[in-house]
Amino acid sequence: MIYKENEIRGISCESTEYPRRLRQIKNNPKVLYVKGRLPDERKKSVAIVGARKCSEYGYYMAKKLGKALGRNGINVISGMAEGIDAAGHLGAMEGGGETFAVLGCGADICYPKGNRRLYEEICEKGGVLSEYPKGTEPKNYYFPMRNRIISGLADIVVVIEARKKSGSLITADLALEQGREVYVLPGRVTDTLSYGCNRLIRDGAGIILSVEDFLTECGVLEKRGENLAENIKVSLAKEETLVYSCLGLEPKSIDDILEETGLEPSCAAGVLIQLQMKGLLRESFKNHYIKKE
């Protein structure tokens, strides 16, 4: 299918173009409206879903996973919501892969509106799909329904951060009913965003110990992976390595950095600026820093 600006096509379930995976699920959409392309069915597909109001860690991991999948030619499916969904889409495209968003409104409507740039990029580097005709406005009860399409298009569903009552848990339950595999990113029992994921682990879902382990379990090996840690170690000065090594995926205050490194405040401040200029960390909020992929 050739993408044309503003073109939305309706594909009947009787058409030969209709996705094979969706034919297999219960209550599949009779018509699928598409802006952009459909997922290449010769490729494996992974859905990445999770909390809209996610943590820095969750966003980082969703983007990192999406990037690894995209780099290995795996379709990334999600719902274009803020937070985890957006991170998965962005990661896939940064990895040079294709990503597909399933909306709870017409495929011509960008929802949420703040994701306009993401919406346009997905249309160019993948596709936006919906079971609702052009012009259909988003409604709350459309979104749980569209989740069956997200899971239906995927071979594997990954949940990254989900509260006790979460749309992501609906997607995971639908995936299990459809015979898809479900993996989750584990979290601390004290975090409300981890409750849903930890519950899925209790119920038998697969656990993501690292992106590399997940790719291995999926039967995928990164084709162009690099040993980032070694490359960084070689290119950084002694003080930069010291500061970078003490940072993680949770924001760390300048006071904590000073205590762990033993550097003088003026030296640490200069090093932090250098690391930011090299794109290795960012200031998540005032005087708190986090590693950047």
Protein backbone atom coordinates (compact mmCIF):
# COMPACT_ATOMS: atom_id res chain seq x y z
CA MET A 1 0.00 0.00 0.00
CA ILE A 2 1.32 3.47 -0.95
CA TYR A 3 0.85 6.21 1.61
CA LYS A 4 -0.85 9.36 0.30
CA GLU A 5 -1.36 12.55 2.31
CA ASN A 6 -4.66 12.58 4.21
CA GLU A 7 -5.76 9.30 2.61
CA ILE A 8 -7.79 6.96 4.81
CA ARG A 9 -8.82 3.59 3.48
CA GLY A 10 -11.46 1.25 4.79
CA ILE A 11 -10.43 -2.41 4.57
CA SER A 12 -13.20 -4.97 4.96
CA CYS A 13 -12.58 -8.19 6.88
CA GLU A 14 -13.38 -9.96 3.62
CA SER A 15 -10.49 -8.23 1.84
CA THR A 16 -7.23 -10.07 1.22
CA GLU A 17 -5.45 -7.03 2.73
CA TYR A 18 -7.16 -7.47 6.08
CA PRO A 19 -4.55 -8.42 8.73
CA ARG A 20 -4.27 -12.15 9.23
CA ARG A 21 -3.80 -11.82 13.00
CA LEU A 22 -7.07 -9.91 13.37
CA ARG A 23 -8.97 -12.61 11.47
CA GLN A 24 -8.11 -14.99 14.31
CA ILE A 25 -9.59 -12.96 17.19
CA LYS A 26 -13.08 -12.91 18.60
CA ASN A 27 -15.26 -9.91 17.68
CA ASN A 28 -12.78 -8.60 15.14
CA PRO A 29 -13.59 -5.26 13.45
CA LYS A 30 -15.61 -5.72 10.30
CA VAL A 31 -13.86 -2.75 8.72
CA LEU A 32 -10.40 -1.42 9.57
CA TYR A 33 -9.69 2.18 8.65
CA VAL A 34 -6.05 2.91 7.91
CA LYS A 35 -4.00 6.06 7.41
CA GLY A 36 -0.52 5.07 6.29
CA ARG A 37 0.38 1.40 6.03
CA LEU A 38 -0.71 -1.85 7.60
CA PRO A 39 1.88 -3.86 9.58
CA ASP A 40 3.96 -6.15 7.40
CA GLU A 41 2.65 -9.58 8.36
CA ARG A 42 5.94 -11.24 7.50
CA LYS A 43 7.45 -9.53 10.53
CA LYS A 44 6.96 -10.25 14.21
CA SER A 45 4.86 -7.66 16.07
CA VAL A 46 5.13 -6.57 19.71
CA ALA A 47 2.64 -4.30 21.50
CA ILE A 48 3.99 -1.95 24.17
CA VAL A 49 1.36 -0.57 26.55
CA GLY A 50 1.33 1.03 29.98
CA ALA A 51 0.54 4.02 32.15
CA ARG A 52 -0.11 7.46 30.71
CA LYS A 53 1.33 9.14 33.80
CA CYS A 54 4.41 6.96 33.95
CA SER A 55 7.67 7.30 35.83
CA GLU A 56 10.98 8.41 34.29
CA TYR A 57 12.13 4.82 34.57
CA GLY A 58 9.06 3.43 32.80
CA TYR A 59 9.35 5.93 29.97
CA TYR A 60 13.05 5.18 29.57
CA MET A 61 12.49 1.42 29.43
CA ALA A 62 9.56 1.65 27.00
CA LYS A 63 11.60 3.81 24.65
CA LYS A 64 14.67 1.60 24.97
CA LEU A 65 12.62 -1.53 24.25
CA GLY A 66 10.86 0.13 21.30
CA LYS A 67 14.21 1.20 19.87
CA ALA A 68 15.67 -2.30 20.17
CA LEU A 69 12.60 -3.81 18.51
CA GLY A 70 12.62 -1.25 15.70
CA ARG A 71 16.33 -1.80 15.12
CA ASN A 72 15.63 -5.51 14.65
CA GLY A 73 12.77 -5.04 12.19
CA ILE A 74 9.95 -5.86 14.62
CA ASN A 75 6.67 -3.94 14.31
CA VAL A 76 5.75 -1.97 17.45
CA ILE A 77 2.02 -1.62 18.15
CA SER A 78 0.48 0.75 20.69
CA GLY A 79 -2.30 3.27 21.28
CA MET A 80 -0.52 6.63 20.90
CA ALA A 81 -1.49 7.71 24.42
CA GLU A 82 0.84 9.87 26.47
CA GLY A 83 3.49 8.14 28.56
CA ILE A 84 4.42 4.54 27.82
CA ASP A 85 2.56 4.32 24.49
CA ALA A 86 4.29 7.41 23.10
CA ALA A 87 7.70 6.22 24.36
CA GLY A 88 7.29 2.86 22.59
CA HIS A 89 6.34 4.54 19.30
CA LEU A 90 9.19 7.03 19.50
CA GLY A 91 11.74 4.34 20.34
CA ALA A 92 10.66 2.19 17.40
CA MET A 93 11.09 5.07 14.97
CA GLU A 94 14.45 6.08 16.48
CA GLY A 95 15.54 2.49 15.90
CA GLY A 96 14.62 2.80 12.22
CA GLY A 97 11.59 0.53 12.52
CA GLU A 98 7.89 0.79 11.80
CA THR A 99 5.23 1.49 14.40
CA PHE A 100 1.45 1.42 14.33
CA ALA A 101 -1.09 3.23 16.51
CA VAL A 102 -4.62 1.96 17.14
CA LEU A 103 -6.96 4.81 18.07
CA GLY A 104 -10.26 5.05 19.94
CA CYS A 105 -11.54 7.57 17.37
CA GLY A 106 -11.40 8.08 13.62
CA ALA A 107 -8.00 7.56 12.03
CA ASP A 108 -8.12 11.18 10.80
CA ILE A 109 -8.28 12.56 14.37
CA CYS A 110 -5.14 13.06 16.43
CA TYR A 111 -5.86 12.04 20.01
CA PRO A 112 -4.52 13.27 22.32
CA LYS A 113 -4.15 16.58 20.46
CA GLY A 114 -0.75 17.22 22.03
CA ASN A 115 0.65 14.24 20.10
CA ARG A 116 0.21 15.90 16.70
CA ARG A 117 3.89 15.58 15.71
CA LEU A 118 3.96 11.95 16.85
CA TYR A 119 0.74 11.23 14.93
CA GLU A 120 2.16 12.67 11.70
CA GLU A 121 5.43 10.79 12.07
CA ILE A 122 3.63 7.49 12.70
CA CYS A 123 1.57 8.04 9.53
CA GLU A 124 4.80 8.43 7.56
CA LYS A 125 6.79 5.62 9.20
CA GLY A 126 4.00 3.12 9.83
CA GLY A 127 0.28 3.63 10.13
CA VAL A 128 -2.67 4.78 12.21
CA LEU A 129 -5.54 2.29 12.49
CA SER A 130 -9.10 2.42 13.80
CA GLU A 131 -12.35 0.52 13.58
CA TYR A 132 -14.22 3.83 13.62
CA PRO A 133 -15.04 5.79 10.44
CA LYS A 134 -13.43 9.09 9.54
CA GLY A 135 -14.63 11.95 11.73
CA THR A 136 -15.55 9.78 14.75
CA GLU A 137 -14.69 11.73 17.91
CA PRO A 138 -12.99 9.92 20.83
CA LYS A 139 -15.23 8.59 23.60
CA ASN A 140 -14.19 6.92 26.86
CA TYR A 141 -15.86 3.60 26.06
CA TYR A 142 -14.14 3.34 22.66
CA PHE A 143 -10.70 2.86 24.22
CA PRO A 144 -11.28 -0.44 26.08
CA MET A 145 -12.79 -1.75 22.83
CA ARG A 146 -9.79 -0.75 20.72
CA ASN A 147 -7.45 -2.63 23.09
CA ARG A 148 -8.52 -5.95 21.57
CA ILE A 149 -7.14 -4.68 18.25
CA ILE A 150 -3.80 -3.67 19.81
CA SER A 151 -3.34 -7.12 21.31
CA GLY A 152 -4.83 -8.81 18.25
CA LEU A 153 -2.26 -7.29 15.92
CA ALA A 154 0.62 -8.42 18.15
CA ASP A 155 2.39 -11.70 18.74
CA ILE A 156 3.53 -10.49 22.17
CA VAL A 157 2.10 -7.82 24.49
CA VAL A 158 4.48 -6.01 26.87
CA VAL A 159 3.07 -4.10 29.84
CA ILE A 160 5.31 -1.41 31.33
CA GLU A 161 3.77 0.14 34.47
CA ALA A 162 0.08 -0.31 35.21
CA ARG A 163 -2.03 0.69 38.19
CA LYS A 164 -4.48 -1.60 39.99
CA LYS A 165 -7.25 -0.55 37.60
CA SER A 166 -5.69 0.06 34.23
CA GLY A 167 -6.54 -0.14 30.56
CA SER A 168 -3.24 -1.94 30.09
CA LEU A 169 -4.52 -4.81 32.24
CA ILE A 170 -7.55 -5.03 29.94
CA THR A 171 -5.16 -5.32 26.99
CA ALA A 172 -3.16 -8.02 28.79
CA ASP A 173 -6.30 -10.02 29.62
CA LEU A 174 -7.48 -9.75 26.02
CA ALA A 175 -4.05 -10.87 24.82
CA LEU A 176 -4.23 -14.01 26.95
CA GLU A 177 -7.74 -14.77 25.65
CA GLN A 178 -6.39 -14.37 22.10
CA GLY A 179 -3.50 -16.75 22.76
CA ARG A 180 -0.81 -14.06 22.73
CA GLU A 181 2.21 -14.04 25.04
CA VAL A 182 2.32 -11.39 27.77
CA TYR A 183 5.50 -9.98 29.31
CA VAL A 184 5.80 -7.32 31.98
CA LEU A 185 8.41 -5.06 33.48
CA PRO A 186 8.51 -5.81 37.24
CA GLY A 187 8.44 -3.03 39.80
CA ARG A 188 8.66 -2.29 43.52
CA VAL A 189 5.68 -3.43 45.56
CA THR A 190 5.48 0.02 47.14
CA ASP A 191 4.90 1.74 43.78
CA THR A 192 1.27 2.12 42.69
CA LEU A 193 2.40 1.99 39.05
CA SER A 194 3.82 -1.49 39.63
CA TYR A 195 0.72 -3.14 41.09
CA GLY A 196 -0.74 -4.22 37.75
CA CYS A 197 2.55 -5.57 36.43
CA ASN A 198 3.32 -7.49 39.61
CA ARG A 199 -0.18 -8.96 39.57
CA LEU A 200 0.39 -10.21 36.03
CA ILE A 201 3.66 -11.81 37.15
CA ARG A 202 1.79 -13.58 39.95
CA ASP A 203 -0.67 -14.85 37.34
CA GLY A 204 2.10 -16.28 35.17
CA ALA A 205 3.20 -13.51 32.77
CA GLY A 206 6.77 -13.47 31.50
CA ILE A 207 9.25 -11.15 33.21
CA ILE A 208 11.53 -8.71 31.40
CA LEU A 209 14.87 -8.87 33.21
CA SER A 210 16.58 -6.79 30.52
CA VAL A 211 15.94 -5.74 26.94
CA GLU A 212 18.62 -8.18 25.77
CA ASP A 213 17.04 -11.10 27.63
CA PHE A 214 13.63 -10.23 26.19
CA LEU A 215 14.98 -10.18 22.64
CA THR A 216 16.65 -13.52 23.24
CA GLU A 217 13.44 -15.07 24.58
CA CYS A 218 11.60 -13.74 21.55
CA GLY A 219 14.12 -15.42 19.29
CA VAL A 220 15.55 -12.09 18.17
CA LEU A 221 19.17 -10.96 18.32
CA GLU A 222 20.13 -7.31 17.90
CA LYS A 223 21.84 -6.97 14.55
CA ARG A 224 23.58 -3.66 15.11
CA GLY A 225 23.89 -3.55 18.88
CA GLU A 226 26.90 -1.83 20.40
CA ASN A 227 28.54 -2.10 23.80
CA LEU A 228 27.44 1.39 24.83
CA ALA A 229 28.94 1.20 28.29
CA GLU A 230 32.41 0.40 26.91
CA ASN A 231 32.22 3.13 24.27
CA ILE A 232 31.22 5.70 26.88
CA LYS A 233 33.98 4.61 29.27
CA VAL A 234 36.63 5.11 26.61
CA SER A 235 35.40 8.56 25.54
CA LEU A 236 34.90 10.15 28.99
CA ALA A 237 37.42 11.88 31.22
CA LYS A 238 38.05 10.50 34.72
CA GLU A 239 35.67 12.91 36.52
CA GLU A 240 33.00 12.46 33.84
CA THR A 241 33.17 8.68 34.21
CA LEU A 242 32.87 9.06 37.99
CA VAL A 243 29.72 11.18 37.76
CA TYR A 244 28.15 9.18 34.92
CA SER A 245 28.69 5.90 36.80
CA CYS A 246 26.79 7.12 39.85
CA LEU A 247 23.72 8.10 37.83
CA GLY A 248 20.84 5.75 37.06
CA LEU A 249 17.28 5.67 35.78
CA GLU A 250 15.90 7.44 38.85
CA PRO A 251 16.58 11.20 39.25
CA LYS A 252 19.53 11.88 41.58
CA SER A 253 20.07 15.19 43.36
CA ILE A 254 23.27 17.22 43.13
CA ASP A 255 23.83 16.63 46.86
CA ASP A 256 23.72 12.86 46.36
CA ILE A 257 26.14 13.14 43.43
CA LEU A 258 28.59 15.18 45.50
CA GLU A 259 28.40 12.68 48.37
CA GLU A 260 28.97 9.64 46.13
CA THR A 261 31.74 11.10 43.98
CA GLY A 262 33.57 13.24 46.55
CA LEU A 263 34.00 15.99 43.95
CA GLU A 264 33.99 19.69 44.75
CA PRO A 265 30.68 21.44 43.89
CA SER A 266 32.29 23.61 41.17
CA CYS A 267 33.95 20.56 39.56
CA ALA A 268 30.75 18.47 39.67
CA ALA A 269 28.74 21.32 38.15
CA GLY A 270 31.16 21.58 35.24
CA VAL A 271 31.14 17.83 34.69
CA LEU A 272 27.33 17.73 34.68
CA ILE A 273 27.27 20.44 32.01
CA GLN A 274 29.76 18.47 29.88
CA LEU A 275 27.73 15.26 30.20
CA GLN A 276 24.57 17.11 29.21
CA MET A 277 26.32 18.57 26.17
CA LYS A 278 27.39 15.04 25.19
CA GLY A 279 23.78 13.87 25.45
CA LEU A 280 24.49 11.38 28.21
CA LEU A 281 22.25 12.81 30.92
CA ARG A 282 19.48 15.31 31.40
CA GLU A 283 18.14 17.42 34.22
CA SER A 284 14.73 15.88 34.94
CA PHE A 285 13.89 18.73 37.31
CA LYS A 286 15.95 21.41 39.06
CA ASN A 287 19.28 20.02 40.31
CA HIS A 288 18.19 16.39 39.75
CA TYR A 289 19.83 14.33 37.01
CA ILE A 290 19.12 11.11 35.18
CA LYS A 291 20.96 8.99 32.62
CA LYS A 292 19.89 9.47 29.04
CA GLU A 293 20.01 6.66 26.52
